[in-house]
Amino acid sequence: MMRQRTSTRLGESRLMDTEELRAYTNLGRNNAMKLGEEIGAKVKIGKRVLWDRIKIDQYFNELTGV
């Protein structure tokens, strides 16, 4: 049985889980994970897979020319 994680964030953290990545990119689970892996934003800590918000922002900034 999986334990439910509780959010105790003070602000936006640098690393986000897959559900947060989906919401942040407005993509489905598979496409969000594929994008994150392709741009090198995947961070594994133990069994957890997290995504680096800064790398994702840099990718979108380059993509949009911001």
PDB file of N, CA and C in Angstrom:
ATOM      1  N   MET A   1       0.844  -1.175   0.000  1.00  0.00           N
ATOM      2  CA  MET A   1       0.000   0.000   0.000  1.00  0.00           C
ATOM      3  C   MET A   1       0.895   1.245   0.000  1.00  0.00           C
ATOM      4  N   MET A   2       0.558   2.203  -0.850  1.00  0.00           N
ATOM      5  CA  MET A   2       1.343   3.430  -0.939  1.00  0.00           C
ATOM      6  C   MET A   2       0.869   4.441   0.100  1.00  0.00           C
ATOM      7  N   ARG A   3       1.830   5.128   0.690  1.00  0.00           N
ATOM      8  CA  ARG A   3       1.496   6.179   1.644  1.00  0.00           C
ATOM      9  C   ARG A   3       1.182   7.462   0.907  1.00  0.00           C
ATOM     10  N   GLN A   4       0.235   8.191   1.418  1.00  0.00           N
ATOM     11  CA  GLN A   4      -0.136   9.482   0.828  1.00  0.00           C
ATOM     12  C   GLN A   4       0.863  10.539   1.278  1.00  0.00           C
ATOM     13  N   ARG A   5       1.420  11.284   0.340  1.00  0.00           N
ATOM     14  CA  ARG A   5       2.337  12.356   0.686  1.00  0.00           C
ATOM     15  C   ARG A   5       1.545  13.605   1.022  1.00  0.00           C
ATOM     16  N   THR A   6       2.012  14.310   2.023  1.00  0.00           N
ATOM     17  CA  THR A   6       1.368  15.569   2.371  1.00  0.00           C
ATOM     18  C   THR A   6       2.272  16.711   1.927  1.00  0.00           C
ATOM     19  N   SER A   7       1.684  17.761   1.482  1.00  0.00           N
ATOM     20  CA  SER A   7       2.441  18.903   0.997  1.00  0.00           C
ATOM     21  C   SER A   7       2.714  19.866   2.146  1.00  0.00           C
ATOM     22  N   THR A   8       4.003  20.120   2.396  1.00  0.00           N
ATOM     23  CA  THR A   8       4.388  21.066   3.443  1.00  0.00           C
ATOM     24  C   THR A   8       5.316  22.119   2.853  1.00  0.00           C
ATOM     25  N   ARG A   9       4.978  22.610   1.689  1.00  0.00           N
ATOM     26  CA  ARG A   9       5.846  23.545   0.976  1.00  0.00           C
ATOM     27  C   ARG A   9       5.643  24.965   1.460  1.00  0.00           C
ATOM     28  N   LEU A  10       6.742  25.677   1.518  1.00  0.00           N
ATOM     29  CA  LEU A  10       6.674  27.089   1.857  1.00  0.00           C
ATOM     30  C   LEU A  10       6.521  27.942   0.609  1.00  0.00           C
ATOM     31  N   GLY A  11       6.919  27.416  -0.520  1.00  0.00           N
ATOM     32  CA  GLY A  11       6.824  28.107  -1.796  1.00  0.00           C
ATOM     33  C   GLY A  11       7.029  27.076  -2.879  1.00  0.00           C
ATOM     34  N   GLU A  12       7.380  27.506  -4.053  1.00  0.00           N
ATOM     35  CA  GLU A  12       7.629  26.547  -5.111  1.00  0.00           C
ATOM     36  C   GLU A  12       9.003  25.941  -4.908  1.00  0.00           C
ATOM     37  N   SER A  13       9.062  24.625  -4.864  1.00  0.00           N
ATOM     38  CA  SER A  13      10.340  23.962  -4.716  1.00  0.00           C
ATOM     39  C   SER A  13      10.952  23.724  -6.084  1.00  0.00           C
ATOM     40  N   ARG A  14      12.259  23.512  -6.097  1.00  0.00           N
ATOM     41  CA  ARG A  14      12.960  23.295  -7.367  1.00  0.00           C
ATOM     42  C   ARG A  14      12.563  21.969  -7.997  1.00  0.00           C
ATOM     43  N   LEU A  15      12.368  20.948  -7.183  1.00  0.00           N
ATOM     44  CA  LEU A  15      12.016  19.634  -7.696  1.00  0.00           C
ATOM     45  C   LEU A  15      10.528  19.389  -7.541  1.00  0.00           C
ATOM     46  N   MET A  16       9.939  18.750  -8.549  1.00  0.00           N
ATOM     47  CA  MET A  16       8.514  18.445  -8.493  1.00  0.00           C
ATOM     48  C   MET A  16       8.306  16.981  -8.845  1.00  0.00           C
ATOM     49  N   ASP A  17       7.210  16.412  -8.362  1.00  0.00           N
ATOM     50  CA  ASP A  17       6.903  15.030  -8.713  1.00  0.00           C
ATOM     51  C   ASP A  17       6.202  14.992 -10.072  1.00  0.00           C
ATOM     52  N   THR A  18       5.891  13.795 -10.525  1.00  0.00           N
ATOM     53  CA  THR A  18       5.340  13.629 -11.867  1.00  0.00           C
ATOM     54  C   THR A  18       3.978  14.306 -12.012  1.00  0.00           C
ATOM     55  N   GLU A  19       3.150  14.259 -10.995  1.00  0.00           N
ATOM     56  CA  GLU A  19       1.840  14.922 -11.073  1.00  0.00           C
ATOM     57  C   GLU A  19       2.005  16.430 -11.192  1.00  0.00           C
ATOM     58  N   GLU A  20       2.961  16.987 -10.462  1.00  0.00           N
ATOM     59  CA  GLU A  20       3.224  18.423 -10.572  1.00  0.00           C
ATOM     60  C   GLU A  20       3.788  18.761 -11.950  1.00  0.00           C
ATOM     61  N   LEU A  21       4.636  17.887 -12.487  1.00  0.00           N
ATOM     62  CA  LEU A  21       5.174  18.081 -13.835  1.00  0.00           C
ATOM     63  C   LEU A  21       4.050  18.102 -14.866  1.00  0.00           C
ATOM     64  N   ARG A  22       3.095  17.205 -14.729  1.00  0.00           N
ATOM     65  CA  ARG A  22       1.951  17.166 -15.646  1.00  0.00           C
ATOM     66  C   ARG A  22       1.196  18.485 -15.606  1.00  0.00           C
ATOM     67  N   ALA A  23       0.928  18.971 -14.420  1.00  0.00           N
ATOM     68  CA  ALA A  23       0.179  20.215 -14.280  1.00  0.00           C
ATOM     69  C   ALA A  23       1.001  21.400 -14.785  1.00  0.00           C
ATOM     70  N   TYR A  24       2.287  21.397 -14.516  1.00  0.00           N
ATOM     71  CA  TYR A  24       3.170  22.503 -14.890  1.00  0.00           C
ATOM     72  C   TYR A  24       3.309  22.627 -16.406  1.00  0.00           C
ATOM     73  N   THR A  25       3.389  21.481 -17.097  1.00  0.00           N
ATOM     74  CA  THR A  25       3.582  21.490 -18.548  1.00  0.00           C
ATOM     75  C   THR A  25       2.271  21.379 -19.316  1.00  0.00           C
ATOM     76  N   ASN A  26       1.199  21.065 -18.617  1.00  0.00           N
ATOM     77  CA  ASN A  26      -0.103  20.861 -19.240  1.00  0.00           C
ATOM     78  C   ASN A  26      -0.068  19.721 -20.269  1.00  0.00           C
ATOM     79  N   LEU A  27       0.701  18.678 -19.928  1.00  0.00           N
ATOM     80  CA  LEU A  27       0.821  17.498 -20.777  1.00  0.00           C
ATOM     81  C   LEU A  27       0.296  16.285 -20.019  1.00  0.00           C
ATOM     82  N   GLY A  28       0.014  15.219 -20.751  1.00  0.00           N
ATOM     83  CA  GLY A  28      -0.345  13.958 -20.125  1.00  0.00           C
ATOM     84  C   GLY A  28       0.869  13.336 -19.456  1.00  0.00           C
ATOM     85  N   ARG A  29       0.635  12.298 -18.679  1.00  0.00           N
ATOM     86  CA  ARG A  29       1.715  11.659 -17.917  1.00  0.00           C
ATOM     87  C   ARG A  29       2.867  11.195 -18.810  1.00  0.00           C
ATOM     88  N   ASN A  30       2.564  10.432 -19.847  1.00  0.00           N
ATOM     89  CA  ASN A  30       3.625   9.871 -20.694  1.00  0.00           C
ATOM     90  C   ASN A  30       4.408  10.958 -21.420  1.00  0.00           C
ATOM     91  N   ASN A  31       3.721  11.922 -21.999  1.00  0.00           N
ATOM     92  CA  ASN A  31       4.419  12.992 -22.716  1.00  0.00           C
ATOM     93  C   ASN A  31       5.219  13.887 -21.782  1.00  0.00           C
ATOM     94  N   ALA A  32       4.711  14.145 -20.596  1.00  0.00           N
ATOM     95  CA  ALA A  32       5.448  14.957 -19.629  1.00  0.00           C
ATOM     96  C   ALA A  32       6.724  14.247 -19.200  1.00  0.00           C
ATOM     97  N   MET A  33       6.628  12.950 -18.928  1.00  0.00           N
ATOM     98  CA  MET A  33       7.806  12.189 -18.522  1.00  0.00           C
ATOM     99  C   MET A  33       8.814  12.084 -19.668  1.00  0.00           C
ATOM    100  N   LYS A  34       8.323  11.887 -20.875  1.00  0.00           N
ATOM    101  CA  LYS A  34       9.200  11.803 -22.040  1.00  0.00           C
ATOM    102  C   LYS A  34       9.949  13.113 -22.234  1.00  0.00           C
ATOM    103  N   LEU A  35       9.239  14.232 -22.145  1.00  0.00           N
ATOM    104  CA  LEU A  35       9.862  15.544 -22.266  1.00  0.00           C
ATOM    105  C   LEU A  35      10.923  15.736 -21.184  1.00  0.00           C
ATOM    106  N   GLY A  36      10.563  15.448 -19.946  1.00  0.00           N
ATOM    107  CA  GLY A  36      11.500  15.611 -18.834  1.00  0.00           C
ATOM    108  C   GLY A  36      12.773  14.808 -19.013  1.00  0.00           C
ATOM    109  N   GLU A  37      12.641  13.576 -19.510  1.00  0.00           N
ATOM    110  CA  GLU A  37      13.812  12.736 -19.737  1.00  0.00           C
ATOM    111  C   GLU A  37      14.653  13.281 -20.889  1.00  0.00           C
ATOM    112  N   GLU A  38      14.006  13.723 -21.967  1.00  0.00           N
ATOM    113  CA  GLU A  38      14.729  14.223 -23.138  1.00  0.00           C
ATOM    114  C   GLU A  38      15.539  15.477 -22.839  1.00  0.00           C
ATOM    115  N   ILE A  39      15.054  16.311 -21.941  1.00  0.00           N
ATOM    116  CA  ILE A  39      15.772  17.557 -21.657  1.00  0.00           C
ATOM    117  C   ILE A  39      16.679  17.441 -20.431  1.00  0.00           C
ATOM    118  N   GLY A  40      16.761  16.256 -19.860  1.00  0.00           N
ATOM    119  CA  GLY A  40      17.677  16.032 -18.744  1.00  0.00           C
ATOM    120  C   GLY A  40      17.196  16.578 -17.419  1.00  0.00           C
ATOM    121  N   ALA A  41      15.883  16.653 -17.234  1.00  0.00           N
ATOM    122  CA  ALA A  41      15.332  17.206 -15.991  1.00  0.00           C
ATOM    123  C   ALA A  41      15.016  16.129 -14.954  1.00  0.00           C
ATOM    124  N   LYS A  42      15.233  14.862 -15.285  1.00  0.00           N
ATOM    125  CA  LYS A  42      14.898  13.759 -14.380  1.00  0.00           C
ATOM    126  C   LYS A  42      15.951  13.644 -13.285  1.00  0.00           C
ATOM    127  N   VAL A  43      15.478  13.569 -12.029  1.00  0.00           N
ATOM    128  CA  VAL A  43      16.349  13.414 -10.867  1.00  0.00           C
ATOM    129  C   VAL A  43      15.817  12.236 -10.058  1.00  0.00           C
ATOM    130  N   LYS A  44      16.671  11.218  -9.849  1.00  0.00           N
ATOM    131  CA  LYS A  44      16.265  10.073  -9.040  1.00  0.00           C
ATOM    132  C   LYS A  44      16.893  10.195  -7.668  1.00  0.00           C
ATOM    133  N   ILE A  45      16.061  10.112  -6.657  1.00  0.00           N
ATOM    134  CA  ILE A  45      16.527  10.110  -5.274  1.00  0.00           C
ATOM    135  C   ILE A  45      15.927   8.857  -4.640  1.00  0.00           C
ATOM    136  N   GLY A  46      16.753   7.858  -4.465  1.00  0.00           N
ATOM    137  CA  GLY A  46      16.246   6.560  -4.012  1.00  0.00           C
ATOM    138  C   GLY A  46      15.316   6.007  -5.073  1.00  0.00           C
ATOM    139  N   LYS A  47      14.118   5.654  -4.677  1.00  0.00           N
ATOM    140  CA  LYS A  47      13.118   5.134  -5.612  1.00  0.00           C
ATOM    141  C   LYS A  47      12.276   6.244  -6.233  1.00  0.00           C
ATOM    142  N   ARG A  48      12.386   7.444  -5.679  1.00  0.00           N
ATOM    143  CA  ARG A  48      11.563   8.558  -6.172  1.00  0.00           C
ATOM    144  C   ARG A  48      12.126   9.142  -7.450  1.00  0.00           C
ATOM    145  N   VAL A  49      11.239   9.534  -8.336  1.00  0.00           N
ATOM    146  CA  VAL A  49      11.611  10.255  -9.545  1.00  0.00           C
ATOM    147  C   VAL A  49      11.031  11.654  -9.427  1.00  0.00           C
ATOM    148  N   LEU A  50      11.921  12.635  -9.508  1.00  0.00           N
ATOM    149  CA  LEU A  50      11.514  14.034  -9.428  1.00  0.00           C
ATOM    150  C   LEU A  50      12.008  14.749 -10.673  1.00  0.00           C
ATOM    151  N   TRP A  51      11.506  15.956 -10.886  1.00  0.00           N
ATOM    152  CA  TRP A  51      11.803  16.705 -12.099  1.00  0.00           C
ATOM    153  C   TRP A  51      12.286  18.095 -11.728  1.00  0.00           C
ATOM    154  N   ASP A  52      13.374  18.544 -12.361  1.00  0.00           N
ATOM    155  CA  ASP A  52      14.018  19.814 -12.058  1.00  0.00           C
ATOM    156  C   ASP A  52      13.294  20.959 -12.771  1.00  0.00           C
ATOM    157  N   ARG A  53      12.648  21.795 -11.996  1.00  0.00           N
ATOM    158  CA  ARG A  53      11.862  22.911 -12.539  1.00  0.00           C
ATOM    159  C   ARG A  53      12.742  23.901 -13.312  1.00  0.00           C
ATOM    160  N   ILE A  54      13.964  24.134 -12.861  1.00  0.00           N
ATOM    161  CA  ILE A  54      14.843  25.099 -13.525  1.00  0.00           C
ATOM    162  C   ILE A  54      15.207  24.623 -14.925  1.00  0.00           C
ATOM    163  N   LYS A  55      15.525  23.341 -15.083  1.00  0.00           N
ATOM    164  CA  LYS A  55      15.844  22.809 -16.407  1.00  0.00           C
ATOM    165  C   LYS A  55      14.631  22.865 -17.331  1.00  0.00           C
ATOM    166  N   ILE A  56      13.463  22.621 -16.783  1.00  0.00           N
ATOM    167  CA  ILE A  56      12.238  22.692 -17.584  1.00  0.00           C
ATOM    168  C   ILE A  56      11.995  24.139 -18.026  1.00  0.00           C
ATOM    169  N   ASP A  57      12.157  25.087 -17.098  1.00  0.00           N
ATOM    170  CA  ASP A  57      11.995  26.500 -17.443  1.00  0.00           C
ATOM    171  C   ASP A  57      13.000  26.929 -18.509  1.00  0.00           C
ATOM    172  N   GLN A  58      14.260  26.493 -18.374  1.00  0.00           N
ATOM    173  CA  GLN A  58      15.276  26.851 -19.368  1.00  0.00           C
ATOM    174  C   GLN A  58      14.895  26.322 -20.745  1.00  0.00           C
ATOM    175  N   TYR A  59      14.393  25.085 -20.795  1.00  0.00           N
ATOM    176  CA  TYR A  59      13.992  24.494 -22.069  1.00  0.00           C
ATOM    177  C   TYR A  59      12.880  25.324 -22.722  1.00  0.00           C
ATOM    178  N   PHE A  60      11.854  25.655 -21.956  1.00  0.00           N
ATOM    179  CA  PHE A  60      10.751  26.429 -22.507  1.00  0.00           C
ATOM    180  C   PHE A  60      11.171  27.853 -22.865  1.00  0.00           C
ATOM    181  N   ASN A  61      12.087  28.440 -22.102  1.00  0.00           N
ATOM    182  CA  ASN A  61      12.593  29.777 -22.436  1.00  0.00           C
ATOM    183  C   ASN A  61      13.322  29.754 -23.777  1.00  0.00           C
ATOM    184  N   GLU A  62      14.141  28.735 -24.011  1.00  0.00           N
ATOM    185  CA  GLU A  62      14.841  28.611 -25.293  1.00  0.00           C
ATOM    186  C   GLU A  62      13.857  28.338 -26.421  1.00  0.00           C
ATOM    187  N   LEU A  63      12.848  27.531 -26.136  1.00  0.00           N
ATOM    188  CA  LEU A  63      11.860  27.168 -27.147  1.00  0.00           C
ATOM    189  C   LEU A  63      11.050  28.383 -27.599  1.00  0.00           C
ATOM    190  N   THR A  64      10.726  29.246 -26.655  1.00  0.00           N
ATOM    191  CA  THR A  64       9.876  30.398 -26.960  1.00  0.00           C
ATOM    192  C   THR A  64      10.664  31.671 -27.218  1.00  0.00           C
ATOM    193  N   GLY A  65      11.983  31.619 -27.008  1.00  0.00           N
ATOM    194  CA  GLY A  65      12.813  32.799 -27.255  1.00  0.00           C
ATOM    195  C   GLY A  65      12.727  33.855 -26.181  1.00  0.00           C
ATOM    196  N   VAL A  66      12.358  33.472 -24.982  1.00  0.00           N
ATOM    197  CA  VAL A  66      12.248  34.426 -23.865  1.00  0.00           C
ATOM    198  C   VAL A  66      13.612  34.674 -23.265  1.00  0.00           C
TER     199      VAL A  66
END
